[in-house]
């Protein structure tokens, strides 16, 4: 294709929330999802080599009867989200990694260190519940596509 010689509509969108092709699984709202590394369809995030965080499920979607890759799941690609913590409690500014689709841990508590983001808040007992942290996922999902 040759260089553009006139204006065109670029089809721009924010990219904060995208519909991405997914495997034939049930995806729950608020769950971490990742690209599986094989065909880059969404799967439930796990501490698995070659996975890259895609984001957080925006809306529950049941694709168990669908053909893998034929349907899409709405995913938040930016923002701050609350996740359960496994192992040592993280501190503000700590990087956290996938344990499973709803749990994060600090480095050395996970095997493959699949990045989720940076801790921006650690609730105290007077807030919600201990054992949780708030994570900004933006840096982990950039470059994952």
N, C-alpha and C. Protein backbone atom coordinates (compact mmCIF):
# COMPACT_ATOMS: atom_id res chain seq x y z
N UNK A 1 0.85 -1.16 0.00
CA UNK A 1 0.00 0.00 0.00
C UNK A 1 0.90 1.24 0.00
N UNK A 2 0.50 2.25 -0.69
CA UNK A 2 1.30 3.48 -0.77
C UNK A 2 0.92 4.43 0.36
N UNK A 3 1.71 5.51 0.51
CA UNK A 3 1.44 6.52 1.54
C UNK A 3 0.11 7.20 1.30
N UNK A 4 -0.51 7.62 2.38
CA UNK A 4 -1.78 8.33 2.35
C UNK A 4 -1.61 9.70 1.71
N UNK A 5 -2.55 10.10 0.86
CA UNK A 5 -2.46 11.40 0.18
C UNK A 5 -3.65 12.30 0.50
N UNK A 6 -4.53 11.86 1.39
CA UNK A 6 -5.68 12.67 1.80
C UNK A 6 -6.09 12.26 3.22
N UNK A 7 -6.89 13.12 3.87
CA UNK A 7 -7.37 12.79 5.21
C UNK A 7 -8.27 11.56 5.14
N UNK A 8 -8.31 10.82 6.25
CA UNK A 8 -9.20 9.68 6.38
C UNK A 8 -9.69 9.61 7.81
N UNK A 9 -10.81 8.98 8.02
CA UNK A 9 -11.33 8.78 9.37
C UNK A 9 -10.50 7.69 10.03
N UNK A 10 -9.79 7.98 11.14
CA UNK A 10 -8.91 6.98 11.74
C UNK A 10 -9.62 5.94 12.61
N UNK A 11 -10.90 6.12 12.90
CA UNK A 11 -11.60 5.13 13.72
C UNK A 11 -11.09 5.10 15.16
N UNK A 12 -10.71 6.24 15.70
CA UNK A 12 -10.11 6.33 17.03
C UNK A 12 -11.11 5.97 18.12
N UNK A 13 -10.59 5.33 19.15
CA UNK A 13 -11.34 5.11 20.38
C UNK A 13 -10.37 5.24 21.54
N UNK A 14 -10.86 5.45 22.72
CA UNK A 14 -10.01 5.67 23.89
C UNK A 14 -9.13 4.47 24.22
N UNK A 15 -9.62 3.29 24.12
CA UNK A 15 -8.84 2.11 24.48
C UNK A 15 -8.89 1.77 25.95
N UNK A 16 -9.73 2.47 26.70
CA UNK A 16 -9.86 2.18 28.13
C UNK A 16 -10.67 0.91 28.36
N UNK A 17 -11.55 0.62 27.42
CA UNK A 17 -12.35 -0.59 27.49
C UNK A 17 -12.44 -1.13 26.06
N UNK A 18 -12.09 -2.38 25.89
CA UNK A 18 -12.10 -3.00 24.57
C UNK A 18 -12.82 -4.33 24.62
N UNK A 19 -13.39 -4.73 23.49
CA UNK A 19 -13.95 -6.07 23.34
C UNK A 19 -12.85 -6.91 22.68
N UNK A 20 -12.41 -7.95 23.37
CA UNK A 20 -11.29 -8.76 22.89
C UNK A 20 -11.72 -10.21 22.69
N UNK A 21 -11.18 -10.90 21.67
CA UNK A 21 -11.54 -12.30 21.42
C UNK A 21 -11.16 -13.18 22.62
N UNK A 22 -12.03 -14.12 22.93
CA UNK A 22 -11.84 -14.92 24.14
C UNK A 22 -12.00 -16.40 23.88
N UNK A 23 -11.39 -17.19 24.77
CA UNK A 23 -11.59 -18.64 24.75
C UNK A 23 -13.00 -18.95 25.23
N UNK A 24 -13.42 -20.18 25.03
CA UNK A 24 -14.77 -20.60 25.40
C UNK A 24 -14.84 -20.96 26.88
N UNK A 25 -14.88 -19.89 27.70
CA UNK A 25 -14.93 -20.01 29.15
C UNK A 25 -16.02 -19.09 29.70
N UNK A 26 -16.28 -19.20 30.99
CA UNK A 26 -17.16 -18.24 31.68
C UNK A 26 -16.27 -17.20 32.32
N UNK A 27 -16.53 -15.92 32.01
CA UNK A 27 -15.75 -14.81 32.54
C UNK A 27 -16.63 -14.01 33.50
N UNK A 28 -16.12 -13.78 34.70
CA UNK A 28 -16.88 -13.06 35.72
C UNK A 28 -16.43 -11.62 35.83
N UNK A 29 -17.39 -10.73 36.03
CA UNK A 29 -17.10 -9.30 36.18
C UNK A 29 -16.08 -9.10 37.30
N UNK A 30 -15.06 -8.28 37.05
CA UNK A 30 -14.05 -7.98 38.05
C UNK A 30 -12.86 -8.92 38.05
N UNK A 31 -12.90 -9.96 37.23
CA UNK A 31 -11.80 -10.94 37.20
C UNK A 31 -10.66 -10.45 36.30
N UNK A 32 -9.46 -10.83 36.68
CA UNK A 32 -8.29 -10.56 35.83
C UNK A 32 -8.30 -11.53 34.66
N UNK A 33 -8.02 -11.01 33.47
CA UNK A 33 -7.90 -11.87 32.29
C UNK A 33 -6.57 -11.58 31.60
N UNK A 34 -6.10 -12.59 30.88
CA UNK A 34 -4.80 -12.48 30.22
C UNK A 34 -4.88 -13.08 28.82
N UNK A 35 -3.92 -12.70 27.99
CA UNK A 35 -3.77 -13.34 26.68
C UNK A 35 -3.04 -14.64 26.93
N UNK A 36 -3.52 -15.73 26.31
CA UNK A 36 -3.00 -17.06 26.65
C UNK A 36 -1.63 -17.38 26.06
N UNK A 37 -1.11 -16.58 25.16
CA UNK A 37 0.23 -16.83 24.63
C UNK A 37 0.25 -17.78 23.46
N UNK A 38 -0.83 -18.51 23.21
CA UNK A 38 -0.90 -19.43 22.08
C UNK A 38 -1.55 -18.76 20.89
N UNK A 39 -2.84 -18.44 21.03
CA UNK A 39 -3.56 -17.76 19.96
C UNK A 39 -3.99 -16.35 20.38
N UNK A 40 -3.52 -15.93 21.56
CA UNK A 40 -3.82 -14.61 22.15
C UNK A 40 -5.29 -14.35 22.40
N UNK A 41 -6.06 -15.43 22.67
CA UNK A 41 -7.43 -15.27 23.14
C UNK A 41 -7.39 -15.03 24.65
N UNK A 42 -8.41 -14.36 25.15
CA UNK A 42 -8.50 -14.13 26.59
C UNK A 42 -8.76 -15.43 27.33
N UNK A 43 -8.11 -15.56 28.46
CA UNK A 43 -8.34 -16.65 29.39
C UNK A 43 -8.32 -16.05 30.80
N UNK A 44 -8.76 -16.83 31.77
CA UNK A 44 -8.66 -16.38 33.15
C UNK A 44 -7.18 -16.25 33.49
N UNK A 45 -6.82 -15.13 34.11
CA UNK A 45 -5.42 -14.91 34.45
C UNK A 45 -4.95 -15.97 35.44
N UNK A 46 -3.71 -16.38 35.26
CA UNK A 46 -3.10 -17.38 36.13
C UNK A 46 -1.60 -17.13 36.16
N UNK A 47 -0.95 -17.71 37.14
CA UNK A 47 0.50 -17.60 37.27
C UNK A 47 1.16 -18.59 36.30
N UNK A 48 1.04 -18.28 35.02
CA UNK A 48 1.49 -19.18 33.96
C UNK A 48 2.45 -18.46 33.03
N UNK A 49 3.53 -19.13 32.66
CA UNK A 49 4.52 -18.54 31.76
C UNK A 49 3.86 -18.13 30.45
N UNK A 50 4.34 -17.07 29.84
CA UNK A 50 3.91 -16.55 28.54
C UNK A 50 2.58 -15.80 28.60
N UNK A 51 1.91 -15.75 29.75
CA UNK A 51 0.68 -14.97 29.85
C UNK A 51 1.03 -13.50 29.97
N UNK A 52 0.16 -12.65 29.38
CA UNK A 52 0.28 -11.21 29.52
C UNK A 52 -1.08 -10.67 29.92
N UNK A 53 -1.10 -9.84 30.95
CA UNK A 53 -2.35 -9.30 31.44
C UNK A 53 -3.06 -8.50 30.36
N UNK A 54 -4.35 -8.79 30.17
CA UNK A 54 -5.17 -8.04 29.22
C UNK A 54 -5.99 -6.98 29.93
N UNK A 55 -6.39 -7.24 31.18
CA UNK A 55 -7.18 -6.28 31.93
C UNK A 55 -8.12 -6.95 32.90
N UNK A 56 -9.25 -6.26 33.16
CA UNK A 56 -10.25 -6.72 34.11
C UNK A 56 -11.59 -6.81 33.39
N UNK A 57 -12.29 -7.91 33.58
CA UNK A 57 -13.58 -8.14 32.90
C UNK A 57 -14.59 -7.07 33.33
N UNK A 58 -15.18 -6.42 32.35
CA UNK A 58 -16.15 -5.34 32.60
C UNK A 58 -17.56 -5.87 32.83
N UNK A 59 -17.88 -7.01 32.23
CA UNK A 59 -19.24 -7.55 32.30
C UNK A 59 -19.18 -9.07 32.22
N UNK A 60 -19.88 -9.76 33.11
CA UNK A 60 -19.90 -11.23 33.07
C UNK A 60 -20.34 -11.72 31.70
N UNK A 61 -19.64 -12.72 31.21
CA UNK A 61 -19.94 -13.28 29.89
C UNK A 61 -19.72 -14.78 29.94
N UNK A 62 -20.73 -15.53 29.51
CA UNK A 62 -20.61 -17.00 29.47
C UNK A 62 -20.39 -17.44 28.03
N UNK A 63 -19.17 -17.86 27.74
CA UNK A 63 -18.83 -18.32 26.39
C UNK A 63 -18.55 -19.82 26.36
N UNK A 64 -19.05 -20.56 27.35
CA UNK A 64 -18.76 -21.98 27.43
C UNK A 64 -19.31 -22.76 26.24
N UNK A 65 -20.34 -22.24 25.59
CA UNK A 65 -20.90 -22.93 24.41
C UNK A 65 -20.39 -22.35 23.09
N UNK A 66 -19.54 -21.36 23.16
CA UNK A 66 -19.04 -20.69 21.95
C UNK A 66 -17.78 -21.36 21.42
N UNK A 67 -17.48 -21.09 20.18
CA UNK A 67 -16.21 -21.53 19.59
C UNK A 67 -15.13 -20.57 20.06
N UNK A 68 -13.99 -21.09 20.48
CA UNK A 68 -12.90 -20.24 20.96
C UNK A 68 -12.54 -19.20 19.92
N UNK A 69 -12.50 -17.93 20.35
CA UNK A 69 -12.13 -16.84 19.47
C UNK A 69 -13.28 -16.24 18.69
N UNK A 70 -14.44 -16.90 18.67
CA UNK A 70 -15.57 -16.41 17.89
C UNK A 70 -16.32 -15.27 18.59
N UNK A 71 -16.21 -15.20 19.90
CA UNK A 71 -16.91 -14.17 20.68
C UNK A 71 -15.89 -13.31 21.42
N UNK A 72 -16.36 -12.15 21.88
CA UNK A 72 -15.46 -11.22 22.57
C UNK A 72 -15.98 -10.91 23.97
N UNK A 73 -15.06 -10.47 24.81
CA UNK A 73 -15.37 -10.09 26.19
C UNK A 73 -14.93 -8.64 26.38
N UNK A 74 -15.79 -7.84 27.02
CA UNK A 74 -15.46 -6.45 27.33
C UNK A 74 -14.47 -6.42 28.50
N UNK A 75 -13.36 -5.71 28.28
CA UNK A 75 -12.28 -5.68 29.26
C UNK A 75 -11.86 -4.24 29.53
N UNK A 76 -11.74 -3.89 30.84
CA UNK A 76 -11.15 -2.62 31.21
C UNK A 76 -9.64 -2.74 31.04
N UNK A 77 -9.04 -1.79 30.33
CA UNK A 77 -7.59 -1.81 30.09
C UNK A 77 -6.85 -0.79 30.95
N UNK A 78 -7.58 0.05 31.68
CA UNK A 78 -6.99 1.06 32.55
C UNK A 78 -7.81 1.13 33.82
N UNK A 79 -7.20 1.66 34.86
CA UNK A 79 -7.94 1.94 36.07
C UNK A 79 -7.32 1.34 37.31
N UNK A 80 -8.00 1.58 38.42
CA UNK A 80 -7.58 1.07 39.72
C UNK A 80 -8.65 0.09 40.19
N UNK A 81 -8.23 -1.10 40.59
CA UNK A 81 -9.15 -2.18 40.97
C UNK A 81 -8.71 -2.82 42.28
N UNK A 82 -9.66 -3.41 42.98
CA UNK A 82 -9.39 -4.08 44.24
C UNK A 82 -9.23 -5.58 44.00
N UNK A 83 -8.15 -6.15 44.56
CA UNK A 83 -7.89 -7.58 44.44
C UNK A 83 -7.51 -8.15 45.80
N UNK A 84 -7.78 -9.43 45.98
CA UNK A 84 -7.32 -10.14 47.17
C UNK A 84 -5.80 -10.30 47.08
N UNK A 85 -5.18 -10.45 48.24
CA UNK A 85 -3.72 -10.60 48.31
C UNK A 85 -3.39 -11.97 48.85
N UNK A 86 -2.41 -12.61 48.22
CA UNK A 86 -1.90 -13.89 48.69
C UNK A 86 -0.51 -13.67 49.28
N UNK A 87 -0.26 -14.24 50.44
CA UNK A 87 1.08 -14.14 51.04
C UNK A 87 1.30 -12.80 51.72
N UNK A 88 2.52 -12.31 51.63
CA UNK A 88 2.93 -11.08 52.28
C UNK A 88 2.13 -9.89 51.75
N UNK A 89 1.64 -9.07 52.66
CA UNK A 89 0.86 -7.89 52.26
C UNK A 89 1.76 -6.90 51.54
N UNK A 90 1.31 -6.40 50.39
CA UNK A 90 2.12 -5.41 49.67
C UNK A 90 2.02 -4.04 50.34
N UNK A 91 2.97 -3.19 50.00
CA UNK A 91 2.99 -1.82 50.47
C UNK A 91 2.69 -0.89 49.30
N UNK A 92 2.35 0.35 49.59
CA UNK A 92 2.13 1.33 48.54
C UNK A 92 3.34 1.37 47.62
N UNK A 93 3.08 1.37 46.32
CA UNK A 93 4.16 1.44 45.34
C UNK A 93 4.73 0.10 44.93
N UNK A 94 4.37 -0.98 45.64
CA UNK A 94 4.87 -2.32 45.26
C UNK A 94 4.24 -2.76 43.95
N UNK A 95 5.01 -3.45 43.14
CA UNK A 95 4.48 -4.12 41.97
C UNK A 95 3.88 -5.43 42.44
N UNK A 96 2.73 -5.80 41.85
CA UNK A 96 2.10 -7.07 42.20
C UNK A 96 1.89 -7.90 40.93
N UNK A 97 1.73 -9.20 41.14
CA UNK A 97 1.71 -10.17 40.06
C UNK A 97 0.52 -11.11 40.23
N UNK A 98 0.11 -11.75 39.12
CA UNK A 98 -1.05 -12.64 39.11
C UNK A 98 -0.78 -13.88 39.97
N UNK A 99 -1.74 -14.18 40.84
CA UNK A 99 -1.79 -15.47 41.53
C UNK A 99 -2.89 -16.29 40.86
N UNK A 100 -4.07 -15.70 40.74
CA UNK A 100 -5.18 -16.29 39.98
C UNK A 100 -6.04 -15.13 39.48
N UNK A 101 -7.24 -15.41 39.01
CA UNK A 101 -8.02 -14.35 38.36
C UNK A 101 -8.63 -13.32 39.31
N UNK A 102 -8.41 -13.49 40.63
CA UNK A 102 -8.90 -12.49 41.58
C UNK A 102 -7.89 -12.16 42.67
N UNK A 103 -6.69 -12.71 42.55
CA UNK A 103 -5.69 -12.58 43.61
C UNK A 103 -4.35 -12.15 43.05
N UNK A 104 -3.66 -11.28 43.80
CA UNK A 104 -2.33 -10.83 43.41
C UNK A 104 -1.35 -11.13 44.55
N UNK A 105 -0.07 -11.10 44.21
CA UNK A 105 0.98 -11.29 45.20
C UNK A 105 2.21 -10.50 44.80
N UNK A 106 3.10 -10.29 45.76
CA UNK A 106 4.32 -9.57 45.45
C UNK A 106 5.32 -10.54 44.82
N UNK A 107 6.37 -10.01 44.23
CA UNK A 107 7.41 -10.84 43.60
C UNK A 107 7.94 -11.84 44.63
N UNK A 108 8.38 -12.95 44.16
CA UNK A 108 8.92 -14.04 44.96
C UNK A 108 7.82 -14.86 45.64
N UNK A 109 6.55 -14.44 45.51
CA UNK A 109 5.45 -15.28 46.01
C UNK A 109 4.72 -15.93 44.85
N UNK A 110 5.08 -15.53 43.63
CA UNK A 110 4.52 -16.14 42.43
C UNK A 110 5.66 -16.77 41.64
N UNK A 111 5.34 -17.72 40.79
CA UNK A 111 6.36 -18.44 40.04
C UNK A 111 6.78 -17.71 38.78
N UNK A 112 5.82 -17.23 38.02
CA UNK A 112 6.12 -16.65 36.70
C UNK A 112 6.07 -15.13 36.66
N UNK A 113 5.69 -14.50 37.75
CA UNK A 113 5.65 -13.04 37.86
C UNK A 113 4.98 -12.36 36.67
N UNK A 114 3.71 -12.70 36.42
CA UNK A 114 2.91 -12.05 35.39
C UNK A 114 2.42 -10.73 35.99
N UNK A 115 2.91 -9.57 35.51
CA UNK A 115 2.59 -8.28 36.13
C UNK A 115 1.11 -7.92 36.07
N UNK A 116 0.61 -7.36 37.18
CA UNK A 116 -0.75 -6.82 37.23
C UNK A 116 -0.70 -5.30 37.30
N UNK A 117 0.19 -4.75 38.10
CA UNK A 117 0.30 -3.31 38.22
C UNK A 117 0.96 -2.89 39.51
N UNK A 118 0.66 -1.67 39.93
CA UNK A 118 1.29 -1.07 41.10
C UNK A 118 0.23 -0.79 42.17
N UNK A 119 0.55 -1.12 43.41
CA UNK A 119 -0.37 -0.90 44.53
C UNK A 119 -0.47 0.60 44.81
N UNK A 120 -1.71 1.11 44.81
CA UNK A 120 -1.95 2.53 45.09
C UNK A 120 -2.71 2.74 46.39
N UNK A 121 -3.20 1.66 47.00
CA UNK A 121 -3.90 1.76 48.28
C UNK A 121 -3.94 0.39 48.92
N UNK A 122 -3.75 0.39 50.25
CA UNK A 122 -3.88 -0.84 51.02
C UNK A 122 -4.91 -0.54 52.11
N UNK A 123 -6.15 -1.04 51.92
CA UNK A 123 -7.20 -0.74 52.90
C UNK A 123 -6.84 -1.24 54.29
N UNK A 124 -7.24 -0.47 55.30
CA UNK A 124 -7.04 -0.88 56.68
C UNK A 124 -8.35 -1.48 57.19
N UNK A 125 -8.32 -2.02 58.39
CA UNK A 125 -9.52 -2.66 58.92
C UNK A 125 -10.69 -1.68 59.04
N UNK A 126 -10.40 -0.38 59.13
CA UNK A 126 -11.49 0.59 59.21
C UNK A 126 -12.08 0.91 57.84
N UNK A 127 -11.36 0.51 56.77
CA UNK A 127 -11.89 0.71 55.42
C UNK A 127 -12.79 -0.46 55.09
N UNK A 128 -12.41 -1.25 54.12
CA UNK A 128 -13.22 -2.41 53.74
C UNK A 128 -12.76 -3.63 54.53
N UNK A 129 -11.89 -4.41 53.94
CA UNK A 129 -11.40 -5.60 54.62
C UNK A 129 -9.90 -5.70 54.40
N UNK A 130 -9.20 -6.22 55.38
CA UNK A 130 -7.77 -6.44 55.19
C UNK A 130 -7.59 -7.63 54.27
N UNK A 131 -6.41 -7.80 53.74
CA UNK A 131 -6.18 -8.89 52.80
C UNK A 131 -6.49 -8.50 51.37
N UNK A 132 -6.68 -7.20 51.14
CA UNK A 132 -6.96 -6.68 49.81
C UNK A 132 -6.04 -5.50 49.53
N UNK A 133 -5.87 -5.21 48.26
CA UNK A 133 -5.15 -4.00 47.88
C UNK A 133 -5.77 -3.44 46.62
N UNK A 134 -5.52 -2.15 46.37
CA UNK A 134 -6.02 -1.49 45.18
C UNK A 134 -4.84 -1.31 44.25
N UNK A 135 -5.03 -1.74 43.00
CA UNK A 135 -3.93 -1.81 42.04
C UNK A 135 -4.27 -1.02 40.78
N UNK A 136 -3.32 -0.20 40.34
CA UNK A 136 -3.47 0.48 39.06
C UNK A 136 -2.85 -0.43 38.01
N UNK A 137 -3.70 -0.85 37.04
CA UNK A 137 -3.27 -1.87 36.07
C UNK A 137 -2.67 -1.30 34.80
N UNK A 138 -2.74 0.01 34.60
CA UNK A 138 -2.37 0.63 33.32
C UNK A 138 -1.00 0.20 32.79
N UNK A 139 0.01 0.21 33.64
CA UNK A 139 1.36 -0.10 33.17
C UNK A 139 1.51 -1.55 32.75
N UNK A 140 0.78 -2.45 33.37
CA UNK A 140 0.91 -3.87 33.04
C UNK A 140 0.27 -4.23 31.70
N UNK A 141 -0.82 -3.53 31.34
CA UNK A 141 -1.50 -3.89 30.10
C UNK A 141 -0.92 -3.20 28.87
N UNK A 142 -0.16 -2.13 29.09
CA UNK A 142 0.45 -1.46 27.93
C UNK A 142 1.46 -2.39 27.28
N UNK A 143 1.35 -2.52 26.00
CA UNK A 143 2.27 -3.38 25.27
C UNK A 143 1.88 -4.86 25.27
N UNK A 144 0.77 -5.20 25.93
CA UNK A 144 0.36 -6.59 26.00
C UNK A 144 -0.34 -7.06 24.73
N UNK A 145 -0.83 -6.13 23.93
CA UNK A 145 -1.51 -6.54 22.69
C UNK A 145 -0.51 -6.80 21.61
